[in-house]
Amino acid sequence: MRNLAFVGVLLLVLGLLSFVVPIPHRENHSMKIGDTRIGARTESDQKLPPEVGIILLAGGVLSLVLGVSKT
């Protein structure tokens, strides 16, 4: 059952990182006319919704508790 404890730790780390680390997002807004391309590129950094982090943390705690109690 060490694998379940390892998954729990991994989910806890991912849950904590989801609150801190932004995810880069790029979009191209362009139009091609003949051989010419006219447009703009937008870049933004967005964080995951807090609900995702809470679910990851809860799953990590649950997996960790189940993994430790089975050994």
Protein backbone atom coordinates (compact mmCIF):
# COMPACT_ATOMS: atom_id res chain seq x y z
CA MET A 1 0.00 0.00 0.00
CA ARG A 2 2.98 2.30 -0.25
CA ASN A 3 1.78 3.20 -3.74
CA LEU A 4 -1.40 4.71 -2.32
CA ALA A 5 0.62 6.83 0.11
CA PHE A 6 2.86 7.94 -2.77
CA VAL A 7 -0.21 8.96 -4.80
CA GLY A 8 -1.48 10.87 -1.77
CA VAL A 9 1.74 12.86 -1.46
CA LEU A 10 1.72 13.54 -5.21
CA LEU A 11 -1.88 14.83 -5.07
CA LEU A 12 -1.03 17.06 -2.10
CA VAL A 13 1.91 18.60 -3.97
CA LEU A 14 -0.20 19.15 -7.10
CA GLY A 15 -2.99 20.68 -5.03
CA LEU A 16 -0.62 23.14 -3.38
CA LEU A 17 1.00 24.04 -6.70
CA SER A 18 -2.41 24.69 -8.28
CA PHE A 19 -2.88 27.65 -5.92
CA VAL A 20 0.51 29.19 -6.74
CA VAL A 21 1.70 28.38 -10.26
CA PRO A 22 -0.08 30.06 -13.19
CA ILE A 23 -0.66 28.21 -16.46
CA PRO A 24 0.42 30.10 -19.61
CA HIS A 25 -2.20 30.48 -22.35
CA ARG A 26 -1.61 31.77 -25.90
CA GLU A 27 -4.07 32.71 -28.62
CA ASN A 28 -3.52 33.73 -32.22
CA HIS A 29 -6.00 36.17 -33.74
CA SER A 30 -4.97 36.39 -37.35
CA MET A 31 -6.38 36.59 -40.83
CA LYS A 32 -4.67 35.46 -43.98
CA ILE A 33 -5.19 37.49 -47.14
CA GLY A 34 -3.34 36.01 -50.08
CA ASP A 35 0.26 35.54 -48.99
CA THR A 36 0.00 38.11 -46.18
CA ARG A 37 -0.97 37.31 -42.62
CA ILE A 38 -2.35 40.07 -40.39
CA GLY A 39 -3.06 39.49 -36.76
CA ALA A 40 -2.16 39.64 -33.12
CA ARG A 41 -0.98 37.13 -30.55
CA THR A 42 -2.21 37.37 -26.98
CA GLU A 43 -0.56 35.72 -24.00
CA SER A 44 -1.95 35.44 -20.50
CA ASP A 45 -1.23 33.52 -17.31
CA GLN A 46 -4.23 32.03 -15.54
CA LYS A 47 -4.42 30.02 -12.34
CA LEU A 48 -6.65 27.00 -11.95
CA PRO A 49 -9.97 27.53 -10.15
CA PRO A 50 -9.69 27.09 -6.36
CA GLU A 51 -12.15 24.18 -6.50
CA VAL A 52 -9.58 22.11 -8.43
CA GLY A 53 -6.94 22.71 -5.77
CA ILE A 54 -9.34 21.83 -2.97
CA ILE A 55 -10.35 18.57 -4.69
CA LEU A 56 -6.69 17.64 -5.25
CA LEU A 57 -5.84 18.37 -1.61
CA ALA A 58 -8.82 16.38 -0.31
CA GLY A 59 -7.94 13.43 -2.55
CA GLY A 60 -4.33 13.59 -1.39
CA VAL A 61 -5.28 13.58 2.28
CA LEU A 62 -7.72 10.70 1.75
CA SER A 63 -5.18 8.64 -0.21
CA LEU A 64 -2.48 9.34 2.35
CA VAL A 65 -4.69 8.32 5.27
CA LEU A 66 -5.83 5.14 3.52
CA GLY A 67 -2.29 4.28 2.44
CA VAL A 68 -0.83 4.73 5.92
CA SER A 69 -3.66 2.93 7.75
CA LYS A 70 -3.33 -0.20 5.54
CA THR A 71 0.35 -0.73 6.36
